[in-house]
Amino acid sequence: MDLKRQVALVTGAGSGIGRACALKLAAEGARVIVHAHKGDETQATVDAIRRAGGTAFGITDDLRDDRG
């Protein structure tokens, strides 16, 4: 799959399946916007993508809707 010139937004990219998806998308050429609710997890995924030669930046925020 060639994802050059594409942008991917991955929520939950700090760990688990979200992180794996972000890394795979970057490996396929996508520029990745990494989202997680913990800053250290966000940065770790961004750093991993950049070390592998990809392009990424992170957004750290809690997007849950707690209004019930």
N, C-alpha and C. Protein backbone atom coordinates (compact mmCIF):
# COMPACT_ATOMS: atom_id res chain seq x y z
N MET A 1 0.85 -1.17 0.00
CA MET A 1 0.00 0.00 0.00
C MET A 1 0.90 1.24 0.00
N ASP A 2 0.62 2.18 -0.86
CA ASP A 2 1.40 3.41 -0.94
C ASP A 2 0.56 4.57 -0.42
N LEU A 3 0.94 5.11 0.71
CA LEU A 3 0.17 6.19 1.32
C LEU A 3 0.89 7.54 1.25
N LYS A 4 1.87 7.65 0.39
CA LYS A 4 2.55 8.93 0.24
C LYS A 4 1.53 10.00 -0.13
N ARG A 5 1.74 11.20 0.39
CA ARG A 5 0.86 12.35 0.17
C ARG A 5 -0.47 12.22 0.89
N GLN A 6 -0.58 11.25 1.80
CA GLN A 6 -1.80 11.08 2.59
C GLN A 6 -1.50 11.45 4.04
N VAL A 7 -2.53 11.88 4.75
CA VAL A 7 -2.40 12.20 6.17
C VAL A 7 -3.35 11.30 6.94
N ALA A 8 -2.87 10.72 8.01
CA ALA A 8 -3.69 9.84 8.85
C ALA A 8 -3.75 10.41 10.26
N LEU A 9 -4.94 10.46 10.82
CA LEU A 9 -5.14 10.84 12.22
C LEU A 9 -5.47 9.56 12.97
N VAL A 10 -4.63 9.22 13.95
CA VAL A 10 -4.86 8.00 14.72
C VAL A 10 -5.09 8.38 16.17
N THR A 11 -6.29 8.12 16.65
CA THR A 11 -6.58 8.34 18.06
C THR A 11 -6.23 7.07 18.83
N GLY A 12 -5.88 7.25 20.08
CA GLY A 12 -5.48 6.09 20.88
C GLY A 12 -4.14 5.52 20.45
N ALA A 13 -3.29 6.37 19.87
CA ALA A 13 -2.02 5.91 19.29
C ALA A 13 -0.90 5.79 20.31
N GLY A 14 -1.21 5.96 21.58
CA GLY A 14 -0.18 5.87 22.60
C GLY A 14 0.23 4.45 22.94
N SER A 15 -0.64 3.49 22.65
CA SER A 15 -0.33 2.10 22.98
C SER A 15 -1.22 1.16 22.18
N GLY A 16 -0.91 -0.10 22.27
CA GLY A 16 -1.74 -1.15 21.70
C GLY A 16 -1.99 -1.05 20.21
N ILE A 17 -3.23 -1.33 19.83
CA ILE A 17 -3.61 -1.36 18.42
C ILE A 17 -3.44 0.02 17.78
N GLY A 18 -3.79 1.08 18.50
CA GLY A 18 -3.65 2.44 17.95
C GLY A 18 -2.20 2.75 17.60
N ARG A 19 -1.29 2.40 18.49
CA ARG A 19 0.14 2.62 18.23
C ARG A 19 0.60 1.80 17.03
N ALA A 20 0.19 0.54 16.99
CA ALA A 20 0.57 -0.33 15.86
C ALA A 20 0.05 0.23 14.54
N CYS A 21 -1.17 0.74 14.54
CA CYS A 21 -1.74 1.33 13.32
C CYS A 21 -0.95 2.56 12.90
N ALA A 22 -0.62 3.42 13.86
CA ALA A 22 0.15 4.63 13.54
C ALA A 22 1.50 4.28 12.94
N LEU A 23 2.18 3.30 13.51
CA LEU A 23 3.49 2.89 13.00
C LEU A 23 3.37 2.29 11.60
N LYS A 24 2.35 1.48 11.37
CA LYS A 24 2.15 0.86 10.05
C LYS A 24 1.81 1.90 9.00
N LEU A 25 0.93 2.83 9.32
CA LEU A 25 0.57 3.88 8.38
C LEU A 25 1.79 4.72 8.00
N ALA A 26 2.60 5.04 9.00
CA ALA A 26 3.82 5.80 8.74
C ALA A 26 4.78 5.01 7.87
N ALA A 27 4.91 3.72 8.13
CA ALA A 27 5.80 2.87 7.34
C ALA A 27 5.35 2.80 5.88
N GLU A 28 4.05 2.97 5.65
CA GLU A 28 3.52 2.95 4.30
C GLU A 28 3.57 4.32 3.62
N GLY A 29 4.10 5.32 4.35
CA GLY A 29 4.32 6.63 3.75
C GLY A 29 3.40 7.74 4.19
N ALA A 30 2.39 7.45 5.00
CA ALA A 30 1.48 8.50 5.46
C ALA A 30 2.17 9.41 6.47
N ARG A 31 1.78 10.66 6.45
CA ARG A 31 2.15 11.58 7.53
C ARG A 31 1.10 11.36 8.61
N VAL A 32 1.54 11.15 9.84
CA VAL A 32 0.63 10.70 10.89
C VAL A 32 0.48 11.76 11.99
N ILE A 33 -0.77 12.03 12.31
CA ILE A 33 -1.11 12.84 13.48
C ILE A 33 -1.42 11.84 14.58
N VAL A 34 -0.61 11.85 15.61
CA VAL A 34 -0.71 10.88 16.70
C VAL A 34 -1.49 11.52 17.85
N HIS A 35 -2.55 10.85 18.31
CA HIS A 35 -3.29 11.34 19.46
C HIS A 35 -3.27 10.30 20.57
N ALA A 36 -3.03 10.77 21.78
CA ALA A 36 -3.18 9.95 22.99
C ALA A 36 -3.52 10.89 24.13
N HIS A 37 -4.01 10.35 25.22
CA HIS A 37 -4.36 11.23 26.35
C HIS A 37 -3.24 11.37 27.37
N LYS A 38 -2.12 10.69 27.15
CA LYS A 38 -0.94 10.85 28.01
C LYS A 38 0.21 11.37 27.15
N GLY A 39 0.79 12.47 27.59
CA GLY A 39 1.85 13.11 26.82
C GLY A 39 3.05 12.24 26.54
N ASP A 40 3.46 11.43 27.52
CA ASP A 40 4.63 10.58 27.31
C ASP A 40 4.35 9.50 26.26
N GLU A 41 3.13 8.99 26.22
CA GLU A 41 2.77 7.99 25.21
C GLU A 41 2.69 8.62 23.82
N THR A 42 2.11 9.80 23.75
CA THR A 42 2.05 10.52 22.47
C THR A 42 3.45 10.71 21.93
N GLN A 43 4.34 11.23 22.76
CA GLN A 43 5.70 11.54 22.31
C GLN A 43 6.48 10.28 21.94
N ALA A 44 6.27 9.21 22.68
CA ALA A 44 6.97 7.95 22.38
C ALA A 44 6.60 7.43 21.00
N THR A 45 5.33 7.52 20.63
CA THR A 45 4.90 7.06 19.31
C THR A 45 5.43 7.98 18.22
N VAL A 46 5.36 9.28 18.45
CA VAL A 46 5.92 10.23 17.48
C VAL A 46 7.40 9.96 17.28
N ASP A 47 8.13 9.78 18.36
CA ASP A 47 9.57 9.53 18.28
C ASP A 47 9.87 8.24 17.51
N ALA A 48 9.08 7.20 17.75
CA ALA A 48 9.29 5.93 17.05
C ALA A 48 9.08 6.09 15.55
N ILE A 49 8.06 6.84 15.16
CA ILE A 49 7.81 7.08 13.74
C ILE A 49 8.95 7.88 13.12
N ARG A 50 9.39 8.92 13.80
CA ARG A 50 10.47 9.75 13.27
C ARG A 50 11.79 8.97 13.18
N ARG A 51 12.08 8.14 14.18
CA ARG A 51 13.30 7.32 14.13
C ARG A 51 13.31 6.40 12.92
N ALA A 52 12.14 5.94 12.53
CA ALA A 52 12.01 5.04 11.38
C ALA A 52 11.98 5.80 10.05
N GLY A 53 12.10 7.14 10.12
CA GLY A 53 12.14 7.93 8.90
C GLY A 53 10.81 8.52 8.47
N GLY A 54 9.78 8.36 9.31
CA GLY A 54 8.46 8.88 8.97
C GLY A 54 8.25 10.29 9.48
N THR A 55 7.09 10.82 9.15
CA THR A 55 6.70 12.17 9.55
C THR A 55 5.50 12.07 10.48
N ALA A 56 5.61 12.69 11.65
CA ALA A 56 4.51 12.64 12.61
C ALA A 56 4.57 13.83 13.55
N PHE A 57 3.41 14.20 14.07
CA PHE A 57 3.36 15.11 15.20
C PHE A 57 2.24 14.67 16.11
N GLY A 58 2.30 15.10 17.35
CA GLY A 58 1.37 14.59 18.34
C GLY A 58 0.43 15.61 18.92
N ILE A 59 -0.72 15.12 19.33
CA ILE A 59 -1.72 15.90 20.04
C ILE A 59 -2.06 15.11 21.31
N THR A 60 -1.93 15.76 22.45
CA THR A 60 -2.28 15.11 23.70
C THR A 60 -3.49 15.81 24.28
N ASP A 61 -4.56 15.04 24.48
CA ASP A 61 -5.78 15.58 25.04
C ASP A 61 -6.71 14.43 25.40
N ASP A 62 -7.58 14.68 26.33
CA ASP A 62 -8.60 13.71 26.70
C ASP A 62 -9.87 14.08 25.93
N LEU A 63 -10.25 13.24 24.99
CA LEU A 63 -11.38 13.53 24.12
C LEU A 63 -12.68 12.87 24.58
N ARG A 64 -12.65 12.23 25.72
CA ARG A 64 -13.87 11.57 26.21
C ARG A 64 -14.97 12.58 26.49
N ASP A 65 -16.19 12.16 26.28
CA ASP A 65 -17.37 12.95 26.60
C ASP A 65 -17.94 12.39 27.89
N ASP A 66 -17.69 13.08 29.01
CA ASP A 66 -18.13 12.59 30.30
C ASP A 66 -19.49 13.14 30.73
N ARG A 67 -20.22 13.69 29.79
CA ARG A 67 -21.52 14.27 30.15
C ARG A 67 -22.57 13.21 30.47
N GLY A 68 -22.27 11.96 30.15
CA GLY A 68 -23.15 10.85 30.52
C GLY A 68 -24.33 10.74 29.66
